[in-house]
Amino acid sequence: MLDERRNPSAPQADPALIAAFRALPVANISDNLHRIVGAVGLRPFHDGTAMAGTALTVRVRAGDNRAIHEALELVRPGDVIVVDGGGDESRALIGEIMTSVARMRGAAGFVLDGAIRDLDAIARSSFPCFARAGIHLGPYKNGPGEINVPVTIGGMVVHPGDIVVGDADGVLAFSQDIAPALLTATRAQTAREDAILKGIAEGRYVGAYAAPAAG
């Protein structure tokens, strides 16, 4: 049962780490998380701009956005507002006004396990917004809700202060503690894949499962 917890925001991740992860494909980061971490069923509704930032988490009653409005008063530049709406698609939790406020305050994006509206405006925007669905029906504003507590987004647990990344392939989150090692591994994989793609462009490719050449 939801209560009214309002916890302090967690320390933000190193901006250099955030910038580095924003430049990497989410699919490659996922591969180096053993391919078991990620939100299922969420997709980008904006223009596809990549997202990375520190999680400011919100948990709401289905179809109610009061706690999201309160979280907008706490958002810091670089925060990703991660909203556990229980996967409810019956009412939009945010729209153009709330995404505009978040952008004005320097947020890195919105991730919602729920619905949004004003889809045309959000589709034209470069401000990252990932959600489960779109619908015209607006939200209730009665609460309850919680801020900066562990939440579940599309089956993925997100803790306050986690690093959250997203691109056209979807969204994932991970602890700041593992970020440096994960960054090194993902960069190495990306470099290998870039070399493979370069070879393909030059007309040479050996399949990943091909037998080695004799002698």
N, C-alpha and C. Protein backbone atom coordinates (compact mmCIF):
# COMPACT_ATOMS: atom_id res chain seq x y z
N MET A 1 0.85 -1.20 0.00
CA MET A 1 0.00 0.00 0.00
C MET A 1 0.88 1.24 0.00
N LEU A 2 0.51 2.22 -0.85
CA LEU A 2 1.28 3.45 -0.93
C LEU A 2 1.12 4.29 0.32
N ASP A 3 2.23 4.88 0.77
CA ASP A 3 2.12 5.90 1.80
C ASP A 3 2.59 7.22 1.20
N GLU A 4 3.07 8.12 2.01
CA GLU A 4 3.42 9.44 1.51
C GLU A 4 4.90 9.75 1.71
N ARG A 5 5.76 8.75 1.57
CA ARG A 5 7.18 8.98 1.80
C ARG A 5 7.75 9.99 0.81
N ARG A 6 8.53 10.91 1.33
CA ARG A 6 9.24 11.90 0.52
C ARG A 6 10.70 11.89 0.98
N ASN A 7 11.52 11.06 0.39
CA ASN A 7 12.91 10.92 0.80
C ASN A 7 13.81 11.89 0.05
N PRO A 8 14.95 12.24 0.64
CA PRO A 8 15.89 13.12 -0.06
C PRO A 8 16.41 12.45 -1.33
N SER A 9 16.76 13.25 -2.31
CA SER A 9 17.32 12.71 -3.54
C SER A 9 18.70 12.13 -3.28
N ALA A 10 19.04 11.06 -3.98
CA ALA A 10 20.35 10.44 -3.86
C ALA A 10 21.40 11.29 -4.56
N PRO A 11 22.67 11.13 -4.19
CA PRO A 11 23.74 11.86 -4.89
C PRO A 11 23.72 11.55 -6.38
N GLN A 12 24.00 12.56 -7.17
CA GLN A 12 24.00 12.37 -8.62
C GLN A 12 25.29 11.71 -9.09
N ALA A 13 25.19 11.03 -10.22
CA ALA A 13 26.34 10.38 -10.83
C ALA A 13 27.27 11.42 -11.42
N ASP A 14 28.54 11.04 -11.56
CA ASP A 14 29.56 11.89 -12.17
C ASP A 14 29.11 12.30 -13.58
N PRO A 15 29.06 13.59 -13.88
CA PRO A 15 28.62 14.03 -15.20
C PRO A 15 29.43 13.42 -16.34
N ALA A 16 30.71 13.15 -16.12
CA ALA A 16 31.52 12.53 -17.17
C ALA A 16 31.04 11.12 -17.47
N LEU A 17 30.66 10.38 -16.41
CA LEU A 17 30.11 9.04 -16.62
C LEU A 17 28.79 9.11 -17.39
N ILE A 18 27.95 10.04 -16.99
CA ILE A 18 26.66 10.19 -17.67
C ILE A 18 26.86 10.49 -19.15
N ALA A 19 27.75 11.40 -19.46
CA ALA A 19 28.01 11.75 -20.86
C ALA A 19 28.54 10.56 -21.64
N ALA A 20 29.40 9.78 -21.00
CA ALA A 20 29.98 8.61 -21.68
C ALA A 20 28.90 7.58 -21.98
N PHE A 21 28.01 7.31 -21.04
CA PHE A 21 26.96 6.33 -21.29
C PHE A 21 25.94 6.83 -22.31
N ARG A 22 25.69 8.13 -22.34
CA ARG A 22 24.75 8.67 -23.31
C ARG A 22 25.23 8.42 -24.75
N ALA A 23 26.53 8.31 -24.93
CA ALA A 23 27.10 8.13 -26.26
C ALA A 23 27.15 6.66 -26.70
N LEU A 24 26.75 5.73 -25.83
CA LEU A 24 26.84 4.30 -26.13
C LEU A 24 25.46 3.71 -26.40
N PRO A 25 25.39 2.70 -27.28
CA PRO A 25 24.09 2.07 -27.54
C PRO A 25 23.57 1.34 -26.31
N VAL A 26 22.29 1.51 -26.02
CA VAL A 26 21.68 0.81 -24.90
C VAL A 26 21.80 -0.71 -25.09
N ALA A 27 21.71 -1.19 -26.32
CA ALA A 27 21.82 -2.63 -26.56
C ALA A 27 23.18 -3.16 -26.11
N ASN A 28 24.23 -2.40 -26.33
CA ASN A 28 25.56 -2.85 -25.92
C ASN A 28 25.72 -2.80 -24.40
N ILE A 29 25.15 -1.78 -23.77
CA ILE A 29 25.18 -1.73 -22.31
C ILE A 29 24.42 -2.94 -21.76
N SER A 30 23.27 -3.23 -22.34
CA SER A 30 22.47 -4.37 -21.92
C SER A 30 23.25 -5.68 -22.04
N ASP A 31 23.99 -5.85 -23.14
CA ASP A 31 24.78 -7.07 -23.32
C ASP A 31 25.76 -7.27 -22.16
N ASN A 32 26.30 -6.17 -21.66
CA ASN A 32 27.29 -6.27 -20.59
C ASN A 32 26.66 -6.27 -19.20
N LEU A 33 25.33 -6.27 -19.16
CA LEU A 33 24.57 -6.53 -17.94
C LEU A 33 23.95 -7.92 -18.02
N HIS A 34 24.61 -8.80 -18.78
CA HIS A 34 24.19 -10.20 -18.94
C HIS A 34 22.85 -10.34 -19.63
N ARG A 35 22.40 -9.27 -20.30
CA ARG A 35 21.17 -9.30 -21.07
C ARG A 35 19.94 -9.65 -20.24
N ILE A 36 19.99 -9.30 -18.96
CA ILE A 36 18.86 -9.60 -18.08
C ILE A 36 18.28 -8.34 -17.43
N VAL A 37 18.86 -7.17 -17.72
CA VAL A 37 18.40 -5.92 -17.11
C VAL A 37 17.74 -5.06 -18.18
N GLY A 38 16.57 -4.53 -17.88
CA GLY A 38 15.93 -3.62 -18.82
C GLY A 38 14.43 -3.57 -18.61
N ALA A 39 13.84 -2.44 -18.96
CA ALA A 39 12.40 -2.26 -18.85
C ALA A 39 11.72 -2.84 -20.08
N VAL A 40 10.72 -3.68 -19.88
CA VAL A 40 9.99 -4.31 -20.97
C VAL A 40 8.69 -3.54 -21.22
N GLY A 41 8.44 -3.21 -22.48
CA GLY A 41 7.17 -2.60 -22.85
C GLY A 41 7.17 -1.09 -22.93
N LEU A 42 8.31 -0.45 -22.60
CA LEU A 42 8.40 1.01 -22.71
C LEU A 42 9.11 1.37 -24.01
N ARG A 43 8.70 2.49 -24.60
CA ARG A 43 9.34 2.94 -25.84
C ARG A 43 9.44 4.46 -25.85
N PRO A 44 10.33 4.99 -26.69
CA PRO A 44 10.45 6.45 -26.77
C PRO A 44 9.28 7.06 -27.54
N PHE A 45 8.75 8.15 -26.99
CA PHE A 45 7.70 8.90 -27.68
C PHE A 45 8.22 10.22 -28.23
N HIS A 46 9.49 10.57 -27.93
CA HIS A 46 10.09 11.81 -28.41
C HIS A 46 10.79 11.55 -29.74
N ASP A 47 11.70 12.44 -30.14
CA ASP A 47 12.31 12.32 -31.46
C ASP A 47 13.46 11.32 -31.52
N GLY A 48 13.72 10.59 -30.45
CA GLY A 48 14.76 9.57 -30.46
C GLY A 48 16.07 9.98 -29.83
N THR A 49 16.18 11.21 -29.36
CA THR A 49 17.40 11.67 -28.70
C THR A 49 17.76 10.73 -27.54
N ALA A 50 19.05 10.36 -27.44
CA ALA A 50 19.50 9.46 -26.38
C ALA A 50 19.41 10.16 -25.03
N MET A 51 19.22 9.37 -23.98
CA MET A 51 19.03 9.89 -22.63
C MET A 51 19.98 9.18 -21.67
N ALA A 52 20.52 9.94 -20.71
CA ALA A 52 21.25 9.37 -19.59
C ALA A 52 21.18 10.36 -18.43
N GLY A 53 21.04 9.85 -17.23
CA GLY A 53 20.98 10.72 -16.06
C GLY A 53 20.82 9.91 -14.79
N THR A 54 20.61 10.61 -13.69
CA THR A 54 20.47 10.00 -12.37
C THR A 54 18.99 9.89 -11.99
N ALA A 55 18.59 8.73 -11.48
CA ALA A 55 17.19 8.47 -11.20
C ALA A 55 16.67 9.26 -10.02
N LEU A 56 15.60 10.02 -10.25
CA LEU A 56 14.73 10.57 -9.22
C LEU A 56 13.44 9.78 -9.36
N THR A 57 13.15 8.91 -8.40
CA THR A 57 12.05 7.97 -8.57
C THR A 57 10.75 8.45 -7.93
N VAL A 58 9.65 8.02 -8.56
CA VAL A 58 8.31 8.37 -8.09
C VAL A 58 7.42 7.14 -8.22
N ARG A 59 6.62 6.87 -7.20
CA ARG A 59 5.62 5.81 -7.29
C ARG A 59 4.25 6.40 -7.03
N VAL A 60 3.32 6.13 -7.94
CA VAL A 60 1.99 6.76 -7.87
C VAL A 60 0.90 5.71 -7.89
N ARG A 61 -0.26 6.12 -7.43
CA ARG A 61 -1.46 5.31 -7.62
C ARG A 61 -1.83 5.34 -9.10
N ALA A 62 -2.37 4.25 -9.62
CA ALA A 62 -2.71 4.18 -11.04
C ALA A 62 -3.54 5.39 -11.47
N GLY A 63 -3.06 6.09 -12.48
CA GLY A 63 -3.81 7.21 -13.05
C GLY A 63 -3.76 8.49 -12.27
N ASP A 64 -2.89 8.61 -11.26
CA ASP A 64 -2.83 9.80 -10.40
C ASP A 64 -1.42 10.39 -10.46
N ASN A 65 -1.31 11.69 -10.73
CA ASN A 65 0.02 12.29 -10.93
C ASN A 65 0.41 13.33 -9.88
N ARG A 66 -0.28 13.36 -8.74
CA ARG A 66 0.06 14.38 -7.74
C ARG A 66 1.53 14.32 -7.34
N ALA A 67 2.04 13.12 -7.08
CA ALA A 67 3.43 12.98 -6.64
C ALA A 67 4.42 13.38 -7.72
N ILE A 68 4.02 13.25 -9.00
CA ILE A 68 4.92 13.70 -10.08
C ILE A 68 5.05 15.21 -10.05
N HIS A 69 3.94 15.91 -9.82
CA HIS A 69 4.02 17.38 -9.68
C HIS A 69 4.95 17.76 -8.53
N GLU A 70 4.87 17.03 -7.43
CA GLU A 70 5.74 17.32 -6.30
C GLU A 70 7.20 17.03 -6.65
N ALA A 71 7.45 15.97 -7.40
CA ALA A 71 8.81 15.63 -7.79
C ALA A 71 9.42 16.70 -8.69
N LEU A 72 8.59 17.35 -9.50
CA LEU A 72 9.10 18.41 -10.36
C LEU A 72 9.66 19.58 -9.56
N GLU A 73 9.22 19.71 -8.31
CA GLU A 73 9.77 20.76 -7.45
C GLU A 73 11.14 20.36 -6.89
N LEU A 74 11.49 19.09 -6.99
CA LEU A 74 12.76 18.58 -6.45
C LEU A 74 13.80 18.31 -7.53
N VAL A 75 13.38 18.30 -8.78
CA VAL A 75 14.26 17.85 -9.86
C VAL A 75 15.49 18.74 -9.99
N ARG A 76 16.63 18.10 -10.21
CA ARG A 76 17.90 18.80 -10.40
C ARG A 76 18.36 18.61 -11.84
N PRO A 77 19.16 19.54 -12.37
CA PRO A 77 19.72 19.30 -13.69
C PRO A 77 20.43 17.95 -13.74
N GLY A 78 20.07 17.15 -14.74
CA GLY A 78 20.67 15.83 -14.89
C GLY A 78 19.85 14.69 -14.32
N ASP A 79 18.75 14.98 -13.62
CA ASP A 79 17.89 13.92 -13.10
C ASP A 79 17.00 13.34 -14.20
N VAL A 80 16.79 12.03 -14.16
CA VAL A 80 15.74 11.38 -14.95
C VAL A 80 14.59 11.07 -14.00
N ILE A 81 13.41 11.55 -14.30
CA ILE A 81 12.25 11.33 -13.46
C ILE A 81 11.65 9.98 -13.86
N VAL A 82 11.76 9.02 -12.95
CA VAL A 82 11.35 7.64 -13.23
C VAL A 82 10.07 7.36 -12.44
N VAL A 83 8.98 7.11 -13.14
CA VAL A 83 7.66 7.03 -12.52
C VAL A 83 7.10 5.62 -12.63
N ASP A 84 6.86 5.01 -11.48
CA ASP A 84 6.18 3.72 -11.43
C ASP A 84 4.69 3.97 -11.36
N GLY A 85 4.05 3.84 -12.51
CA GLY A 85 2.60 4.00 -12.57
C GLY A 85 1.87 2.69 -12.61
N GLY A 86 2.58 1.60 -12.27
CA GLY A 86 1.95 0.29 -12.23
C GLY A 86 1.56 -0.26 -13.58
N GLY A 87 2.07 0.35 -14.66
CA GLY A 87 1.72 -0.12 -15.99
C GLY A 87 0.33 0.26 -16.45
N ASP A 88 -0.37 1.09 -15.69
CA ASP A 88 -1.74 1.48 -16.03
C ASP A 88 -1.76 2.34 -17.29
N GLU A 89 -2.65 2.01 -18.22
CA GLU A 89 -2.75 2.75 -19.48
C GLU A 89 -4.06 3.51 -19.62
N SER A 90 -4.84 3.58 -18.54
CA SER A 90 -6.18 4.15 -18.63
C SER A 90 -6.20 5.67 -18.56
N ARG A 91 -5.12 6.28 -17.98
CA ARG A 91 -5.05 7.74 -17.87
C ARG A 91 -3.62 8.20 -18.04
N ALA A 92 -3.47 9.31 -18.74
CA ALA A 92 -2.14 9.87 -18.95
C ALA A 92 -1.63 10.52 -17.67
N LEU A 93 -0.39 10.21 -17.32
CA LEU A 93 0.21 10.79 -16.12
C LEU A 93 0.89 12.12 -16.39
N ILE A 94 1.38 12.33 -17.60
CA ILE A 94 2.01 13.60 -17.96
C ILE A 94 1.66 13.94 -19.40
N GLY A 95 1.96 15.19 -19.77
CA GLY A 95 1.78 15.64 -21.14
C GLY A 95 2.78 16.75 -21.45
N GLU A 96 2.43 17.57 -22.41
CA GLU A 96 3.36 18.60 -22.89
C GLU A 96 3.77 19.57 -21.79
N ILE A 97 2.83 19.98 -20.94
CA ILE A 97 3.16 20.97 -19.91
C ILE A 97 4.19 20.41 -18.93
N MET A 98 3.97 19.20 -18.45
CA MET A 98 4.89 18.65 -17.46
C MET A 98 6.26 18.31 -18.06
N THR A 99 6.29 17.84 -19.30
CA THR A 99 7.60 17.62 -19.92
C THR A 99 8.32 18.95 -20.15
N SER A 100 7.57 20.00 -20.44
CA SER A 100 8.19 21.32 -20.63
C SER A 100 8.76 21.86 -19.33
N VAL A 101 8.05 21.64 -18.22
CA VAL A 101 8.56 22.06 -16.91
C VAL A 101 9.83 21.30 -16.58
N ALA A 102 9.81 19.99 -16.79
CA ALA A 102 10.98 19.17 -16.50
C ALA A 102 12.18 19.61 -17.33
N ARG A 103 11.95 19.90 -18.58
CA ARG A 103 13.04 20.36 -19.45
C ARG A 103 13.57 21.71 -18.97
N MET A 104 12.67 22.62 -18.63
CA MET A 104 13.08 23.95 -18.15
C MET A 104 13.97 23.83 -16.93
N ARG A 105 13.71 22.85 -16.08
CA ARG A 105 14.47 22.69 -14.84
C ARG A 105 15.71 21.83 -15.00
N GLY A 106 16.00 21.43 -16.23
CA GLY A 106 17.25 20.74 -16.51
C GLY A 106 17.20 19.24 -16.40
N ALA A 107 16.00 18.65 -16.26
CA ALA A 107 15.90 17.19 -16.18
C ALA A 107 16.45 16.57 -17.45
N ALA A 108 16.95 15.34 -17.31
CA ALA A 108 17.51 14.62 -18.46
C ALA A 108 16.45 13.83 -19.20
N GLY A 109 15.26 13.66 -18.60
CA GLY A 109 14.21 12.93 -19.28
C GLY A 109 13.16 12.41 -18.32
N PHE A 110 12.13 11.79 -18.91
CA PHE A 110 11.05 11.14 -18.18
C PHE A 110 11.00 9.68 -18.59
N VAL A 111 10.81 8.79 -17.63
CA VAL A 111 10.54 7.38 -17.90
C VAL A 111 9.32 7.00 -17.08
N LEU A 112 8.26 6.53 -17.74
CA LEU A 112 7.01 6.23 -17.05
C LEU A 112 6.51 4.85 -17.40
N ASP A 113 6.22 4.05 -16.39
CA ASP A 113 5.50 2.81 -16.61
C ASP A 113 4.03 3.14 -16.49
N GLY A 114 3.53 3.76 -17.53
CA GLY A 114 2.18 4.27 -17.59
C GLY A 114 1.99 4.99 -18.91
N ALA A 115 0.95 5.79 -18.99
CA ALA A 115 0.59 6.46 -20.23
C ALA A 115 0.89 7.95 -20.19
N ILE A 116 0.99 8.54 -21.38
CA ILE A 116 1.19 9.98 -21.54
C ILE A 116 0.19 10.50 -22.57
N ARG A 117 0.13 11.83 -22.69
CA ARG A 117 -0.69 12.41 -23.75
C ARG A 117 0.05 13.57 -24.40
N ASP A 118 -0.64 14.31 -25.31
CA ASP A 118 0.00 15.35 -26.13
C ASP A 118 1.11 14.73 -26.98
N LEU A 119 0.77 13.64 -27.64
CA LEU A 119 1.78 12.84 -28.34
C LEU A 119 2.42 13.60 -29.50
N ASP A 120 1.66 14.42 -30.21
CA ASP A 120 2.25 15.17 -31.33
C ASP A 120 3.35 16.10 -30.84
N ALA A 121 3.08 16.82 -29.77
CA ALA A 121 4.07 17.77 -29.24
C ALA A 121 5.30 17.03 -28.73
N ILE A 122 5.09 15.94 -28.01
CA ILE A 122 6.22 15.19 -27.47
C ILE A 122 7.02 14.54 -28.59
N ALA A 123 6.35 14.08 -29.65
CA ALA A 123 7.06 13.47 -30.78
C ALA A 123 7.98 14.45 -31.49
N ARG A 124 7.63 15.73 -31.47
CA ARG A 124 8.47 16.75 -32.11
C ARG A 124 9.62 17.21 -31.23
N SER A 125 9.60 16.81 -29.97
CA SER A 125 10.57 17.32 -29.00
C SER A 125 11.79 16.41 -28.90
N SER A 126 12.93 17.02 -28.58
CA SER A 126 14.15 16.26 -28.33
C SER A 126 14.29 15.90 -26.85
N PHE A 127 13.33 16.33 -26.02
CA PHE A 127 13.38 15.99 -24.61
C PHE A 127 12.94 14.54 -24.42
N PRO A 128 13.81 13.69 -23.89
CA PRO A 128 13.50 12.27 -23.82
C PRO A 128 12.26 11.96 -22.97
N CYS A 129 11.38 11.15 -23.52
CA CYS A 129 10.18 10.74 -22.82
C CYS A 129 9.85 9.31 -23.24
N PHE A 130 10.03 8.37 -22.30
CA PHE A 130 9.75 6.96 -22.53
C PHE A 130 8.52 6.58 -21.72
N ALA A 131 7.60 5.86 -22.34
CA ALA A 131 6.36 5.48 -21.65
C ALA A 131 5.82 4.19 -22.25
N ARG A 132 4.73 3.72 -21.66
CA ARG A 132 4.12 2.47 -22.12
C ARG A 132 3.07 2.71 -23.20
N ALA A 133 2.34 3.81 -23.11
CA ALA A 133 1.22 4.04 -24.03
C ALA A 133 0.87 5.51 -24.06
N GLY A 134 0.00 5.86 -24.99
CA GLY A 134 -0.55 7.20 -25.06
C GLY A 134 -2.07 7.15 -25.01
N ILE A 135 -2.67 8.14 -24.34
CA ILE A 135 -4.13 8.22 -24.25
C ILE A 135 -4.50 9.66 -23.93
N HIS A 136 -5.68 10.09 -24.38
CA HIS A 136 -6.11 11.48 -24.17
C HIS A 136 -6.62 11.73 -22.77
N LEU A 137 -7.11 10.71 -22.07
CA LEU A 137 -7.71 10.92 -20.76
C LEU A 137 -6.68 11.40 -19.74
N GLY A 138 -7.05 12.45 -19.01
CA GLY A 138 -6.14 13.05 -18.04
C GLY A 138 -6.14 12.34 -16.70
N PRO A 139 -5.20 12.74 -15.82
CA PRO A 139 -5.01 12.03 -14.55
C PRO A 139 -5.86 12.60 -13.41
N TYR A 140 -5.95 11.80 -12.35
CA TYR A 140 -6.40 12.31 -11.06
C TYR A 140 -5.23 13.00 -10.38
N LYS A 141 -5.51 13.79 -9.36
CA LYS A 141 -4.47 14.53 -8.65
C LYS A 141 -4.68 14.46 -7.14
N ASN A 142 -5.04 13.29 -6.66
CA ASN A 142 -5.41 13.13 -5.26
C ASN A 142 -4.35 12.43 -4.42
N GLY A 143 -3.40 11.73 -5.05
CA GLY A 143 -2.46 10.90 -4.32
C GLY A 143 -3.10 9.57 -3.98
N PRO A 144 -2.44 8.78 -3.15
CA PRO A 144 -1.13 9.04 -2.55
C PRO A 144 -0.01 8.83 -3.55
N GLY A 145 1.22 8.95 -3.05
CA GLY A 145 2.40 8.73 -3.88
C GLY A 145 3.64 8.82 -3.04
N GLU A 146 4.75 8.33 -3.60
CA GLU A 146 6.03 8.32 -2.90
C GLU A 146 7.13 8.85 -3.82
N ILE A 147 8.14 9.47 -3.21
CA ILE A 147 9.25 10.05 -3.98
C ILE A 147 10.57 9.54 -3.40
N ASN A 148 11.45 9.16 -4.31
CA ASN A 148 12.79 8.64 -3.95
C ASN A 148 12.69 7.38 -3.09
N VAL A 149 11.96 6.40 -3.66
CA VAL A 149 11.87 5.06 -3.10
C VAL A 149 12.17 4.09 -4.26
N PRO A 150 12.53 2.85 -3.96
CA PRO A 150 12.71 1.88 -5.05
C PRO A 150 11.40 1.69 -5.81
N VAL A 151 11.49 1.62 -7.13
CA VAL A 151 10.31 1.46 -7.97
C VAL A 151 10.56 0.34 -8.98
N THR A 152 9.49 -0.09 -9.62
CA THR A 152 9.59 -1.10 -10.67
C THR A 152 9.02 -0.52 -11.96
N ILE A 153 9.82 -0.58 -13.01
CA ILE A 153 9.46 -0.01 -14.31
C ILE A 153 9.57 -1.11 -15.35
N GLY A 154 8.44 -1.55 -15.86
CA GLY A 154 8.49 -2.60 -16.87
C GLY A 154 9.24 -3.83 -16.42
N GLY A 155 9.10 -4.18 -15.14
CA GLY A 155 9.76 -5.34 -14.59
C GLY A 155 11.18 -5.09 -14.12
N MET A 156 11.69 -3.89 -14.27
CA MET A 156 13.06 -3.54 -13.87
C MET A 156 13.02 -2.69 -12.60
N VAL A 157 13.75 -3.10 -11.58
CA VAL A 157 13.82 -2.32 -10.34
C VAL A 157 14.80 -1.16 -10.52
N VAL A 158 14.36 0.03 -10.12
CA VAL A 158 15.20 1.22 -10.19
C VAL A 158 15.26 1.83 -8.79
N HIS A 159 16.48 2.07 -8.31
CA HIS A 159 16.69 2.69 -7.02
C HIS A 159 17.03 4.18 -7.21
N PRO A 160 16.66 5.03 -6.26
CA PRO A 160 17.08 6.42 -6.35
C PRO A 160 18.60 6.50 -6.50
N GLY A 161 19.05 7.31 -7.44
CA GLY A 161 20.48 7.47 -7.67
C GLY A 161 21.06 6.54 -8.71
N ASP A 162 20.29 5.54 -9.17
CA ASP A 162 20.77 4.70 -10.26
C ASP A 162 21.01 5.54 -11.51
N ILE A 163 21.89 5.05 -12.36
CA ILE A 163 22.06 5.66 -13.68
C ILE A 163 21.01 5.06 -14.61
N VAL A 164 20.30 5.92 -15.32
CA VAL A 164 19.24 5.49 -16.24
C VAL A 164 19.64 5.93 -17.64
N VAL A 165 19.59 5.00 -18.59
CA VAL A 165 19.92 5.32 -19.97
C VAL A 165 18.79 4.84 -20.88
N GLY A 166 18.63 5.52 -22.01
CA GLY A 166 17.59 5.14 -22.95
C GLY A 166 17.91 5.61 -24.35
N ASP A 167 17.48 4.83 -25.33
CA ASP A 167 17.55 5.25 -26.73
C ASP A 167 16.43 4.55 -27.48
N ALA A 168 16.53 4.47 -28.80
CA ALA A 168 15.44 3.90 -29.59
C ALA A 168 15.14 2.45 -29.22
N ASP A 169 16.11 1.75 -28.63
CA ASP A 169 15.90 0.35 -28.26
C ASP A 169 15.21 0.17 -26.91
N GLY A 170 15.14 1.22 -26.09
CA GLY A 170 14.49 1.10 -24.80
C GLY A 170 15.28 1.70 -23.66
N VAL A 171 14.98 1.27 -22.44
CA VAL A 171 15.50 1.89 -21.23
C VAL A 171 16.08 0.82 -20.31
N LEU A 172 17.20 1.15 -19.66
CA LEU A 172 17.72 0.31 -18.58
C LEU A 172 18.34 1.19 -17.51
N ALA A 173 18.58 0.58 -16.34
CA ALA A 173 19.14 1.30 -15.20
C ALA A 173 20.10 0.38 -14.45
N PHE A 174 21.08 0.99 -13.79
CA PHE A 174 22.07 0.22 -13.05
C PHE A 174 22.68 1.09 -11.96
N SER A 175 23.27 0.44 -10.98
CA SER A 175 23.86 1.13 -9.84
C SER A 175 25.10 1.93 -10.26
N GLN A 176 25.30 3.05 -9.58
CA GLN A 176 26.52 3.83 -9.82
C GLN A 176 27.76 3.02 -9.46
N ASP A 177 27.62 2.08 -8.53
CA ASP A 177 28.78 1.31 -8.08
C ASP A 177 29.43 0.51 -9.20
N ILE A 178 28.63 0.01 -10.13
CA ILE A 178 29.18 -0.82 -11.20
C ILE A 178 29.46 -0.02 -12.47
N ALA A 179 29.15 1.27 -12.46
CA ALA A 179 29.22 2.06 -13.69
C ALA A 179 30.62 2.10 -14.32
N PRO A 180 31.71 2.33 -13.56
CA PRO A 180 33.02 2.40 -14.23
C PRO A 180 33.39 1.11 -14.96
N ALA A 181 33.21 -0.04 -14.31
CA ALA A 181 33.54 -1.31 -14.97
C ALA A 181 32.61 -1.58 -16.15
N LEU A 182 31.34 -1.24 -15.99
CA LEU A 182 30.39 -1.43 -17.08
C LEU A 182 30.74 -0.55 -18.28
N LEU A 183 31.18 0.67 -18.01
CA LEU A 183 31.57 1.57 -19.09
C LEU A 183 32.76 1.00 -19.87
N THR A 184 33.76 0.50 -19.17
CA THR A 184 34.92 -0.08 -19.84
C THR A 184 34.53 -1.26 -20.72
N ALA A 185 33.71 -2.15 -20.19
CA ALA A 185 33.29 -3.33 -20.95
C ALA A 185 32.45 -2.94 -22.17
N THR A 186 31.56 -1.98 -21.99
CA THR A 186 30.69 -1.58 -23.10
C THR A 186 31.47 -0.87 -24.19
N ARG A 187 32.43 -0.04 -23.80
CA ARG A 187 33.28 0.61 -24.80
C ARG A 187 34.06 -0.42 -25.61
N ALA A 188 34.56 -1.45 -24.94
CA ALA A 188 35.32 -2.48 -25.65
C ALA A 188 34.43 -3.22 -26.64
N GLN A 189 33.22 -3.57 -26.24
CA GLN A 189 32.31 -4.24 -27.15
C GLN A 189 31.96 -3.34 -28.33
N THR A 190 31.69 -2.07 -28.06
CA THR A 190 31.33 -1.14 -29.13
C THR A 190 32.47 -1.00 -30.13
N ALA A 191 33.70 -0.96 -29.64
CA ALA A 191 34.86 -0.87 -30.55
C ALA A 191 34.95 -2.13 -31.42
N ARG A 192 34.70 -3.30 -30.84
CA ARG A 192 34.73 -4.54 -31.63
C ARG A 192 33.65 -4.52 -32.71
N GLU A 193 32.46 -4.08 -32.34
CA GLU A 193 31.38 -4.04 -33.32
C GLU A 193 31.64 -3.00 -34.41
N ASP A 194 32.23 -1.89 -34.04
CA ASP A 194 32.59 -0.88 -35.05
C ASP A 194 33.58 -1.46 -36.05
N ALA A 195 34.54 -2.26 -35.56
CA ALA A 195 35.52 -2.89 -36.45
C ALA A 195 34.84 -3.89 -37.39
N ILE A 196 33.87 -4.65 -36.87
CA ILE A 196 33.13 -5.58 -37.71
C ILE A 196 32.37 -4.84 -38.81
N LEU A 197 31.69 -3.77 -38.43
CA LEU A 197 30.91 -2.99 -39.40
C LEU A 197 31.82 -2.36 -40.45
N LYS A 198 33.01 -1.93 -40.04
CA LYS A 198 33.96 -1.38 -40.99
C LYS A 198 34.38 -2.45 -42.00
N GLY A 199 34.62 -3.66 -41.48
CA GLY A 199 34.98 -4.75 -42.38
C GLY A 199 33.88 -5.07 -43.36
N ILE A 200 32.63 -5.07 -42.89
CA ILE A 200 31.50 -5.34 -43.79
C ILE A 200 31.44 -4.28 -44.89
N ALA A 201 31.62 -3.01 -44.49
CA ALA A 201 31.59 -1.93 -45.48
C ALA A 201 32.69 -2.08 -46.52
N GLU A 202 33.78 -2.73 -46.13
CA GLU A 202 34.91 -2.94 -47.04
C GLU A 202 34.83 -4.28 -47.77
N GLY A 203 33.71 -5.00 -47.56
CA GLY A 203 33.48 -6.23 -48.30
C GLY A 203 34.10 -7.47 -47.70
N ARG A 204 34.41 -7.44 -46.41
CA ARG A 204 34.98 -8.64 -45.78
C ARG A 204 34.25 -8.89 -44.46
N TYR A 205 33.89 -10.16 -44.27
CA TYR A 205 33.20 -10.55 -43.04
C TYR A 205 33.34 -12.04 -42.85
N VAL A 206 33.74 -12.44 -41.67
CA VAL A 206 33.76 -13.85 -41.29
C VAL A 206 32.70 -14.03 -40.22
N GLY A 207 31.75 -14.92 -40.46
CA GLY A 207 30.64 -15.09 -39.53
C GLY A 207 31.12 -15.43 -38.14
N ALA A 208 30.36 -15.02 -37.16
CA ALA A 208 30.76 -15.21 -35.77
C ALA A 208 30.95 -16.67 -35.42
N TYR A 209 30.24 -17.57 -36.14
CA TYR A 209 30.32 -19.00 -35.79
C TYR A 209 31.04 -19.80 -36.86
N ALA A 210 31.73 -19.09 -37.76
CA ALA A 210 32.46 -19.80 -38.80
C ALA A 210 33.65 -20.55 -38.22
N ALA A 211 33.98 -21.68 -38.82
CA ALA A 211 35.15 -22.45 -38.37
C ALA A 211 36.41 -21.70 -38.76
N PRO A 212 37.47 -21.75 -37.93
CA PRO A 212 38.71 -21.07 -38.27
C PRO A 212 39.33 -21.69 -39.52
N ALA A 213 40.02 -20.87 -40.25
CA ALA A 213 40.69 -21.35 -41.47
C ALA A 213 41.75 -22.39 -41.12
N ALA A 214 41.89 -23.40 -41.95
CA ALA A 214 42.88 -24.45 -41.71
C ALA A 214 44.29 -23.91 -41.95
N GLY A 215 45.20 -24.41 -41.12
CA GLY A 215 46.63 -24.12 -41.31
C GLY A 215 46.96 -22.67 -41.35
